[in-house]
N, C-alpha and C. Protein backbone atom coordinates (compact mmCIF):
# COMPACT_ATOMS: atom_id res chain seq x y z
N MET A 1 86.78 119.27 95.79
CA MET A 1 87.48 117.95 95.87
C MET A 1 87.63 117.52 94.35
N LYS A 2 88.76 117.29 94.33
CA LYS A 2 89.62 116.50 93.34
C LYS A 2 89.29 115.17 93.35
N ARG A 3 88.88 115.10 92.11
CA ARG A 3 88.64 113.38 91.61
C ARG A 3 90.29 112.44 91.41
N TRP A 4 89.97 111.43 92.10
CA TRP A 4 91.45 110.87 91.62
C TRP A 4 91.03 109.15 91.30
N ASN A 5 90.91 109.35 90.10
CA ASN A 5 90.57 107.84 89.85
C ASN A 5 91.81 106.94 89.30
N ASN A 6 91.75 106.06 90.04
CA ASN A 6 92.79 105.23 90.13
C ASN A 6 94.23 105.57 90.41
N LEU A 7 94.29 106.56 91.39
CA LEU A 7 95.77 107.09 91.66
C LEU A 7 95.67 106.15 93.10
N LYS A 8 97.08 105.78 93.17
CA LYS A 8 97.66 104.98 94.20
C LYS A 8 98.04 105.64 95.23
N LEU A 9 98.20 105.35 96.58
CA LEU A 9 98.49 106.36 97.59
C LEU A 9 99.96 106.42 97.67
N GLU A 10 100.81 105.86 96.99
CA GLU A 10 101.91 106.13 96.85
C GLU A 10 102.34 107.19 95.83
N LEU A 11 101.55 107.39 95.00
CA LEU A 11 101.64 108.55 94.19
C LEU A 11 101.14 109.74 94.52
N TYR A 12 100.14 109.63 95.38
CA TYR A 12 99.43 110.83 95.88
C TYR A 12 100.41 111.66 96.88
N SER A 13 101.32 111.14 97.23
CA SER A 13 102.10 111.91 98.48
C SER A 13 103.52 112.73 97.28
N LEU A 14 103.85 112.01 96.27
CA LEU A 14 104.70 112.71 95.21
C LEU A 14 103.84 113.82 94.57
N THR A 15 102.53 113.52 93.79
CA THR A 15 101.86 114.68 93.15
C THR A 15 101.53 116.05 93.81
N SER A 16 101.01 115.61 95.28
CA SER A 16 100.75 116.93 96.35
C SER A 16 101.65 117.39 97.11
N LYS A 17 103.04 116.69 96.98
CA LYS A 17 104.08 116.84 98.06
C LYS A 17 103.80 116.96 99.25
N ALA A 18 103.09 115.94 99.71
CA ALA A 18 102.25 115.72 101.23
C ALA A 18 103.29 114.65 101.70
N ARG A 19 103.11 114.55 103.21
CA ARG A 19 103.78 113.44 104.07
C ARG A 19 102.90 112.84 105.13
N LYS A 20 102.62 111.54 104.93
CA LYS A 20 101.57 111.12 105.91
C LYS A 20 101.99 111.11 107.56
N ILE A 21 101.01 111.42 108.07
CA ILE A 21 101.24 111.42 109.67
C ILE A 21 100.40 110.66 110.53
N PHE A 22 99.31 110.13 109.61
CA PHE A 22 98.51 109.25 110.78
C PHE A 22 97.94 108.32 109.47
N SER A 23 97.58 107.18 109.91
CA SER A 23 97.14 105.65 109.30
C SER A 23 96.52 104.89 110.45
N ARG A 24 95.15 104.90 109.75
CA ARG A 24 94.47 103.89 110.81
C ARG A 24 93.59 102.91 109.75
N ALA A 25 93.83 101.51 109.65
CA ALA A 25 93.09 100.63 108.79
C ALA A 25 91.80 100.09 109.79
N TYR A 26 90.61 100.15 108.99
CA TYR A 26 89.46 99.32 109.21
C TYR A 26 89.55 98.04 108.60
N GLU A 27 87.90 97.31 108.25
CA GLU A 27 88.30 96.12 107.72
C GLU A 27 88.51 96.34 106.14
N ASP A 28 88.01 97.16 105.19
CA ASP A 28 88.77 96.93 103.90
C ASP A 28 89.10 98.69 103.67
N ILE A 29 89.20 99.66 104.68
CA ILE A 29 89.40 100.94 104.12
C ILE A 29 90.11 101.06 105.27
N THR A 30 91.17 102.37 104.87
CA THR A 30 92.20 102.83 105.62
C THR A 30 92.26 104.26 105.58
N LEU A 31 92.11 104.96 106.71
CA LEU A 31 92.14 106.34 106.98
C LEU A 31 93.27 106.80 107.07
N CYS A 32 93.82 107.86 106.27
CA CYS A 32 95.10 108.36 106.33
C CYS A 32 94.90 110.04 106.29
N ILE A 33 96.03 110.40 107.32
CA ILE A 33 95.99 111.96 107.06
C ILE A 33 97.31 112.20 106.67
N PHE A 34 97.25 113.35 105.72
CA PHE A 34 98.41 114.00 105.24
C PHE A 34 98.61 115.41 105.57
N TYR A 35 99.82 115.56 105.66
CA TYR A 35 100.28 117.23 105.98
C TYR A 35 101.15 117.61 104.91
N ASP A 36 100.56 118.83 103.99
CA ASP A 36 101.15 119.05 102.76
C ASP A 36 102.37 120.23 102.89
N VAL A 37 102.81 120.87 102.05
CA VAL A 37 103.60 122.07 102.13
C VAL A 37 103.13 123.02 102.23
N ARG A 38 102.13 123.29 101.98
CA ARG A 38 101.56 124.71 102.23
C ARG A 38 100.47 124.71 103.41
N GLU A 39 100.84 123.64 104.95
CA GLU A 39 100.47 123.75 105.85
C GLU A 39 98.96 123.54 105.97
N ARG A 40 98.70 122.37 104.93
CA ARG A 40 96.96 121.99 105.30
C ARG A 40 97.26 120.24 105.12
N PHE A 41 96.11 119.92 106.08
CA PHE A 41 95.63 118.53 106.46
C PHE A 41 94.92 118.22 105.75
N LYS A 42 95.16 116.88 104.83
CA LYS A 42 94.26 116.21 103.96
C LYS A 42 93.94 114.82 104.84
N LEU A 43 92.41 114.73 104.70
CA LEU A 43 92.01 113.10 105.43
C LEU A 43 91.74 112.33 103.99
N LEU A 44 92.44 111.13 103.82
CA LEU A 44 92.12 110.36 102.54
C LEU A 44 91.51 109.04 103.37
N MET A 45 90.47 108.69 102.31
CA MET A 45 90.35 107.22 102.60
C MET A 45 90.55 106.44 101.42
N VAL A 46 91.16 105.09 101.68
CA VAL A 46 91.79 104.47 100.63
C VAL A 46 91.15 102.75 100.55
N ASP A 47 91.15 102.10 99.57
CA ASP A 47 90.64 100.91 99.73
C ASP A 47 91.57 100.02 99.92
N LYS A 48 91.42 98.52 99.85
CA LYS A 48 92.66 97.68 100.23
C LYS A 48 93.52 97.67 99.02
N GLU A 49 92.91 98.17 97.58
CA GLU A 49 94.07 97.80 96.53
C GLU A 49 95.09 99.56 96.59
N GLU A 50 94.89 100.06 97.82
CA GLU A 50 95.40 101.63 97.85
C GLU A 50 94.82 102.45 96.58
N ASN A 51 93.78 102.25 96.36
CA ASN A 51 93.30 103.27 95.14
C ASN A 51 92.40 104.56 96.21
N ILE A 52 92.64 105.61 95.65
CA ILE A 52 92.10 106.74 96.86
C ILE A 52 90.54 106.92 96.40
N ILE A 53 89.63 106.81 97.59
CA ILE A 53 88.21 106.76 97.47
C ILE A 53 87.85 108.35 97.66
N TYR A 54 88.14 108.75 98.57
CA TYR A 54 87.59 110.04 99.29
C TYR A 54 89.06 110.98 99.67
N GLU A 55 88.76 112.14 99.22
CA GLU A 55 89.84 113.16 100.07
C GLU A 55 88.98 114.65 100.46
N ARG A 56 89.61 114.82 101.68
CA ARG A 56 88.90 116.41 102.13
C ARG A 56 89.85 117.06 102.73
N GLU A 57 89.77 118.39 102.73
CA GLU A 57 90.66 118.90 103.75
C GLU A 57 90.26 119.09 104.80
N ILE A 58 91.29 119.22 105.98
CA ILE A 58 90.45 119.12 107.36
C ILE A 58 91.52 120.27 107.97
N THR A 59 90.64 121.02 109.30
CA THR A 59 91.30 121.90 109.81
C THR A 59 92.44 121.22 110.70
N ARG A 60 93.73 121.59 111.47
CA ARG A 60 94.37 121.32 112.33
C ARG A 60 93.80 120.53 113.49
N ALA A 61 92.76 121.00 113.85
CA ALA A 61 91.79 120.80 115.24
C ALA A 61 91.40 119.56 114.92
N GLU A 62 90.67 119.24 113.90
CA GLU A 62 90.07 118.12 113.10
C GLU A 62 91.24 117.14 113.15
N ALA A 63 92.18 117.32 112.33
CA ALA A 63 93.31 116.15 112.19
C ALA A 63 93.68 115.62 113.67
N PHE A 64 93.99 116.38 114.53
CA PHE A 64 94.52 115.75 115.95
C PHE A 64 93.13 115.48 116.74
N ARG A 65 92.21 115.73 116.73
CA ARG A 65 91.09 114.85 117.29
C ARG A 65 90.88 113.65 116.73
N ILE A 66 91.09 113.35 115.41
CA ILE A 66 91.12 112.06 114.66
C ILE A 66 92.25 111.18 115.12
N ILE A 67 93.40 111.52 115.23
CA ILE A 67 94.51 110.91 116.00
C ILE A 67 94.70 110.51 117.15
N ASN A 68 94.19 111.62 118.02
CA ASN A 68 93.95 111.30 119.47
C ASN A 68 92.75 110.39 119.98
N THR A 69 91.98 109.91 118.97
CA THR A 69 90.73 109.32 119.22
C THR A 69 91.24 107.57 119.41
N ARG A 70 90.79 107.31 120.38
CA ARG A 70 90.92 105.74 120.35
C ARG A 70 89.97 104.89 119.87
N PRO A 71 90.25 103.76 119.18
CA PRO A 71 89.20 102.74 118.50
C PRO A 71 88.42 102.02 119.51
């Protein structure tokens, strides 16, 4: 896992060449799933200032399980 100090969400998609396919906002945290050029799914947690808190690579099955789960 890379440490993204003060990297904004809009710059993440440019640096990793990924596109956002899912986003769900909770109180102060937003959960995003990105799909990159190498056909990998990334799970990101972002705070309300859009700084990346956490990044993890997930499988395709995990990504669609998260997308299809209702709040």
